[in-house]
Structure formats: structure tokens, C-alpha cells
């Protein structure tokens, strides 16, 4: 991990990207601290999903329904989905 004071240094984005390949780069500016780090595509998709208002609404609705109606076992879910008796 590398720490850079933006009051003293002014690295370009290219430099930050190269530095982040080895781990997080901590940027300080006055009384604020920022982390610059690589994120793979899967991490980005997960983050975007967690910020999606429609997905969050669906999750809240599902959570409420689960508490109101209860849950079923995996076997029961398979039976219902596959139409097995």
C-alpha cells in the first residue's frame, strides 16, 4: 500500500493506475482520505447491483414476503419449480 499526499504530489491517472496494480493507493487531501485501487469486472458488477434502486426495492419486497409467508426447503422449491409431485 502506498500513501500519497495530494498537497505535495500530483500524480497523473496513468501513474495511479500503475501504482494500484501493486495494491491500494491511499490519497490524502487536507483532512480527507481516499483509496484508489483496482477493481475487477465481477466486483464492479456486484457493486453496481448493490447500488441499483430497482434491485434494492425487489430485495426489500422479497425480504418482507419471506418474513410474512415463511420459507420453503430446497427440496420443496425444486418440487414446485419442476412440477414434481
N, C-alpha and C. Protein backbone atom coordinates (compact mmCIF):
# COMPACT_ATOMS: atom_id res chain seq x y z
N UNK A 1 0.85 -1.17 0.00
CA UNK A 1 0.00 0.00 0.00
C UNK A 1 0.90 1.24 0.00
N UNK A 2 0.51 2.19 -0.82
CA UNK A 2 1.26 3.43 -0.96
C UNK A 2 0.38 4.59 -0.54
N UNK A 3 0.95 5.56 0.14
CA UNK A 3 0.20 6.75 0.54
C UNK A 3 0.79 7.96 -0.16
N UNK A 4 -0.08 8.77 -0.74
CA UNK A 4 0.35 9.97 -1.46
C UNK A 4 -0.42 11.16 -0.92
N UNK A 5 0.30 12.21 -0.57
CA UNK A 5 -0.32 13.46 -0.16
C UNK A 5 -0.52 14.31 -1.40
N UNK A 6 -1.76 14.63 -1.71
CA UNK A 6 -2.03 15.43 -2.90
C UNK A 6 -1.61 16.88 -2.74
N UNK A 7 -1.34 17.30 -1.51
CA UNK A 7 -0.79 18.65 -1.31
C UNK A 7 0.66 18.71 -1.79
N UNK A 8 1.37 17.58 -1.71
CA UNK A 8 2.79 17.55 -2.09
C UNK A 8 3.00 17.00 -3.49
N UNK A 9 2.21 15.98 -3.87
CA UNK A 9 2.38 15.33 -5.16
C UNK A 9 1.11 15.49 -5.99
N UNK A 10 1.26 15.40 -7.29
CA UNK A 10 0.12 15.49 -8.19
C UNK A 10 0.26 14.42 -9.26
N UNK A 11 0.05 13.15 -8.89
CA UNK A 11 0.25 12.07 -9.86
C UNK A 11 -0.83 12.08 -10.94
N UNK A 12 -0.43 11.66 -12.12
CA UNK A 12 -1.41 11.54 -13.21
C UNK A 12 -2.22 10.26 -12.99
N UNK A 13 -3.31 10.16 -13.71
CA UNK A 13 -4.13 8.96 -13.62
C UNK A 13 -3.35 7.73 -14.07
N UNK A 14 -2.55 7.87 -15.10
CA UNK A 14 -1.72 6.74 -15.56
C UNK A 14 -0.80 6.24 -14.46
N UNK A 15 -0.20 7.16 -13.73
CA UNK A 15 0.70 6.77 -12.64
C UNK A 15 -0.08 6.07 -11.54
N UNK A 16 -1.24 6.60 -11.18
CA UNK A 16 -2.06 5.96 -10.14
C UNK A 16 -2.48 4.56 -10.55
N UNK A 17 -2.84 4.38 -11.81
CA UNK A 17 -3.25 3.06 -12.30
C UNK A 17 -2.09 2.08 -12.17
N UNK A 18 -0.92 2.50 -12.56
CA UNK A 18 0.26 1.62 -12.46
C UNK A 18 0.57 1.29 -11.00
N UNK A 19 0.47 2.28 -10.14
CA UNK A 19 0.75 2.05 -8.72
C UNK A 19 -0.30 1.11 -8.10
N UNK A 20 -1.56 1.26 -8.49
CA UNK A 20 -2.63 0.45 -7.92
C UNK A 20 -2.53 -1.01 -8.34
N UNK A 21 -1.79 -1.29 -9.40
CA UNK A 21 -1.61 -2.68 -9.81
C UNK A 21 -0.91 -3.49 -8.71
N UNK A 22 -0.15 -2.81 -7.84
CA UNK A 22 0.56 -3.47 -6.75
C UNK A 22 -0.21 -3.42 -5.43
N UNK A 23 -1.36 -2.79 -5.41
CA UNK A 23 -2.16 -2.68 -4.18
C UNK A 23 -2.77 -1.31 -4.08
N UNK A 24 -3.54 -1.12 -3.02
CA UNK A 24 -4.25 0.14 -2.82
C UNK A 24 -3.29 1.31 -2.74
N UNK A 25 -3.74 2.43 -3.30
CA UNK A 25 -3.01 3.69 -3.19
C UNK A 25 -3.90 4.61 -2.36
N UNK A 26 -3.38 5.06 -1.24
CA UNK A 26 -4.12 5.94 -0.35
C UNK A 26 -3.76 7.38 -0.70
N UNK A 27 -4.78 8.17 -1.02
CA UNK A 27 -4.58 9.57 -1.35
C UNK A 27 -5.11 10.42 -0.21
N UNK A 28 -4.30 11.36 0.23
CA UNK A 28 -4.75 12.28 1.27
C UNK A 28 -4.82 13.69 0.68
N UNK A 29 -5.85 14.40 1.10
CA UNK A 29 -6.01 15.79 0.67
C UNK A 29 -6.67 16.55 1.81
N UNK A 30 -5.91 17.46 2.39
CA UNK A 30 -6.34 18.19 3.57
C UNK A 30 -6.76 17.19 4.64
N UNK A 31 -8.02 17.19 5.06
CA UNK A 31 -8.43 16.27 6.11
C UNK A 31 -9.21 15.07 5.56
N UNK A 32 -9.12 14.82 4.25
CA UNK A 32 -9.84 13.72 3.63
C UNK A 32 -8.86 12.62 3.18
N UNK A 33 -9.36 11.38 3.19
CA UNK A 33 -8.56 10.24 2.76
C UNK A 33 -9.36 9.46 1.73
N UNK A 34 -8.71 9.11 0.62
CA UNK A 34 -9.34 8.37 -0.46
C UNK A 34 -8.50 7.15 -0.77
N UNK A 35 -9.14 6.09 -1.22
CA UNK A 35 -8.42 4.89 -1.63
C UNK A 35 -8.60 4.71 -3.13
N UNK A 36 -7.51 4.47 -3.82
CA UNK A 36 -7.53 4.22 -5.26
C UNK A 36 -7.02 2.80 -5.43
N UNK A 37 -7.86 1.92 -5.95
CA UNK A 37 -7.45 0.53 -6.06
C UNK A 37 -8.08 -0.13 -7.27
N UNK A 38 -7.46 -1.19 -7.74
CA UNK A 38 -8.04 -1.90 -8.88
C UNK A 38 -9.29 -2.66 -8.47
N UNK A 39 -10.24 -2.72 -9.38
CA UNK A 39 -11.48 -3.47 -9.16
C UNK A 39 -11.71 -4.30 -10.42
N UNK A 40 -11.90 -5.62 -10.22
CA UNK A 40 -12.14 -6.43 -11.42
C UNK A 40 -13.59 -6.29 -11.86
N UNK A 41 -13.89 -6.81 -13.03
CA UNK A 41 -15.23 -6.62 -13.60
C UNK A 41 -16.32 -7.23 -12.73
N UNK A 42 -16.05 -8.37 -12.12
CA UNK A 42 -17.06 -9.01 -11.26
C UNK A 42 -17.36 -8.14 -10.04
N UNK A 43 -16.33 -7.58 -9.42
CA UNK A 43 -16.53 -6.68 -8.29
C UNK A 43 -17.35 -5.47 -8.71
N UNK A 44 -17.08 -4.95 -9.89
CA UNK A 44 -17.82 -3.79 -10.39
C UNK A 44 -19.29 -4.13 -10.60
N UNK A 45 -19.57 -5.30 -11.17
CA UNK A 45 -20.97 -5.71 -11.38
C UNK A 45 -21.70 -5.85 -10.04
N UNK A 46 -21.04 -6.45 -9.07
CA UNK A 46 -21.65 -6.61 -7.75
C UNK A 46 -21.94 -5.25 -7.12
N UNK A 47 -20.99 -4.34 -7.20
CA UNK A 47 -21.18 -3.00 -6.64
C UNK A 47 -22.34 -2.29 -7.34
N UNK A 48 -22.38 -2.39 -8.67
CA UNK A 48 -23.45 -1.72 -9.42
C UNK A 48 -24.81 -2.30 -9.04
N UNK A 49 -24.89 -3.61 -8.87
CA UNK A 49 -26.15 -4.24 -8.48
C UNK A 49 -26.59 -3.75 -7.10
N UNK A 50 -25.65 -3.65 -6.18
CA UNK A 50 -25.96 -3.19 -4.83
C UNK A 50 -26.37 -1.73 -4.76
N UNK A 51 -26.11 -0.98 -5.81
CA UNK A 51 -26.49 0.43 -5.87
C UNK A 51 -27.74 0.64 -6.73
N UNK A 52 -28.25 -0.41 -7.34
CA UNK A 52 -29.39 -0.31 -8.25
C UNK A 52 -30.69 -0.20 -7.44
N UNK A 53 -31.41 0.93 -7.54
CA UNK A 53 -32.64 1.12 -6.75
C UNK A 53 -33.71 0.07 -7.03
N UNK A 54 -33.84 -0.37 -8.28
CA UNK A 54 -34.84 -1.38 -8.61
C UNK A 54 -34.50 -2.72 -7.95
N UNK A 55 -33.23 -3.08 -7.97
CA UNK A 55 -32.81 -4.33 -7.34
C UNK A 55 -33.02 -4.25 -5.83
N UNK A 56 -32.65 -3.13 -5.23
CA UNK A 56 -32.82 -2.97 -3.78
C UNK A 56 -34.29 -3.02 -3.39
N UNK A 57 -35.16 -2.43 -4.21
CA UNK A 57 -36.60 -2.49 -3.94
C UNK A 57 -37.09 -3.94 -3.99
N UNK A 58 -36.65 -4.67 -5.00
CA UNK A 58 -37.03 -6.08 -5.13
C UNK A 58 -36.55 -6.89 -3.93
N UNK A 59 -35.34 -6.63 -3.48
CA UNK A 59 -34.80 -7.35 -2.32
C UNK A 59 -35.61 -7.04 -1.06
N UNK A 60 -36.00 -5.77 -0.87
CA UNK A 60 -36.81 -5.41 0.30
C UNK A 60 -38.17 -6.09 0.26
N UNK A 61 -38.78 -6.12 -0.93
CA UNK A 61 -40.08 -6.78 -1.08
C UNK A 61 -39.95 -8.29 -0.79
N UNK A 62 -38.90 -8.89 -1.31
CA UNK A 62 -38.67 -10.33 -1.09
C UNK A 62 -38.45 -10.62 0.39
N UNK A 63 -37.70 -9.77 1.05
CA UNK A 63 -37.41 -9.94 2.48
C UNK A 63 -38.71 -9.86 3.29
N UNK A 64 -39.55 -8.87 2.98
CA UNK A 64 -40.83 -8.72 3.68
C UNK A 64 -41.72 -9.94 3.44
N UNK A 65 -41.78 -10.39 2.20
CA UNK A 65 -42.61 -11.56 1.87
C UNK A 65 -42.10 -12.80 2.60
N UNK A 66 -40.79 -12.97 2.65
CA UNK A 66 -40.22 -14.13 3.33
C UNK A 66 -40.62 -14.13 4.81
N UNK A 67 -40.56 -12.97 5.44
CA UNK A 67 -40.93 -12.88 6.85
C UNK A 67 -42.43 -13.08 7.06
N UNK A 68 -43.24 -12.61 6.12
CA UNK A 68 -44.69 -12.73 6.26
C UNK A 68 -45.17 -14.16 5.95
N UNK A 69 -44.60 -14.77 4.92
CA UNK A 69 -45.10 -16.06 4.45
C UNK A 69 -44.22 -17.24 4.87
N UNK A 70 -43.02 -16.95 5.30
CA UNK A 70 -42.10 -18.04 5.64
C UNK A 70 -41.30 -18.50 4.43
N UNK A 71 -40.55 -19.54 4.63
CA UNK A 71 -39.69 -20.06 3.57
C UNK A 71 -40.04 -21.52 3.30
N UNK A 72 -39.49 -22.06 2.22
CA UNK A 72 -39.65 -23.47 1.91
C UNK A 72 -38.26 -24.09 1.79
N UNK A 73 -38.20 -25.40 1.94
CA UNK A 73 -36.92 -26.10 1.82
C UNK A 73 -36.49 -26.10 0.36
N UNK A 74 -35.23 -26.41 0.14
CA UNK A 74 -34.71 -26.51 -1.23
C UNK A 74 -35.44 -27.62 -1.97
N UNK A 75 -35.70 -28.71 -1.30
CA UNK A 75 -36.44 -29.81 -1.92
C UNK A 75 -37.83 -29.36 -2.37
N UNK A 76 -38.53 -28.62 -1.51
CA UNK A 76 -39.86 -28.12 -1.85
C UNK A 76 -39.80 -27.15 -3.02
N UNK A 77 -38.79 -26.27 -3.04
CA UNK A 77 -38.63 -25.32 -4.15
C UNK A 77 -38.41 -26.07 -5.46
N UNK A 78 -37.56 -27.08 -5.43
CA UNK A 78 -37.33 -27.89 -6.65
C UNK A 78 -38.61 -28.55 -7.10
N UNK A 79 -39.36 -29.11 -6.16
CA UNK A 79 -40.60 -29.80 -6.49
C UNK A 79 -41.57 -28.82 -7.17
N UNK A 80 -41.69 -27.63 -6.60
CA UNK A 80 -42.60 -26.63 -7.18
C UNK A 80 -42.13 -26.16 -8.55
N UNK A 81 -40.85 -25.88 -8.67
CA UNK A 81 -40.32 -25.35 -9.94
C UNK A 81 -40.33 -26.39 -11.05
N UNK A 82 -40.08 -27.64 -10.70
CA UNK A 82 -40.02 -28.70 -11.71
C UNK A 82 -41.35 -29.40 -11.90
N UNK A 83 -42.36 -29.00 -11.12
CA UNK A 83 -43.68 -29.58 -11.26
C UNK A 83 -43.75 -31.03 -10.82
N UNK A 84 -42.84 -31.40 -9.95
CA UNK A 84 -42.84 -32.77 -9.46
C UNK A 84 -43.88 -32.94 -8.36
N UNK A 85 -44.39 -34.13 -8.22
CA UNK A 85 -45.38 -34.39 -7.16
C UNK A 85 -44.81 -35.29 -6.10
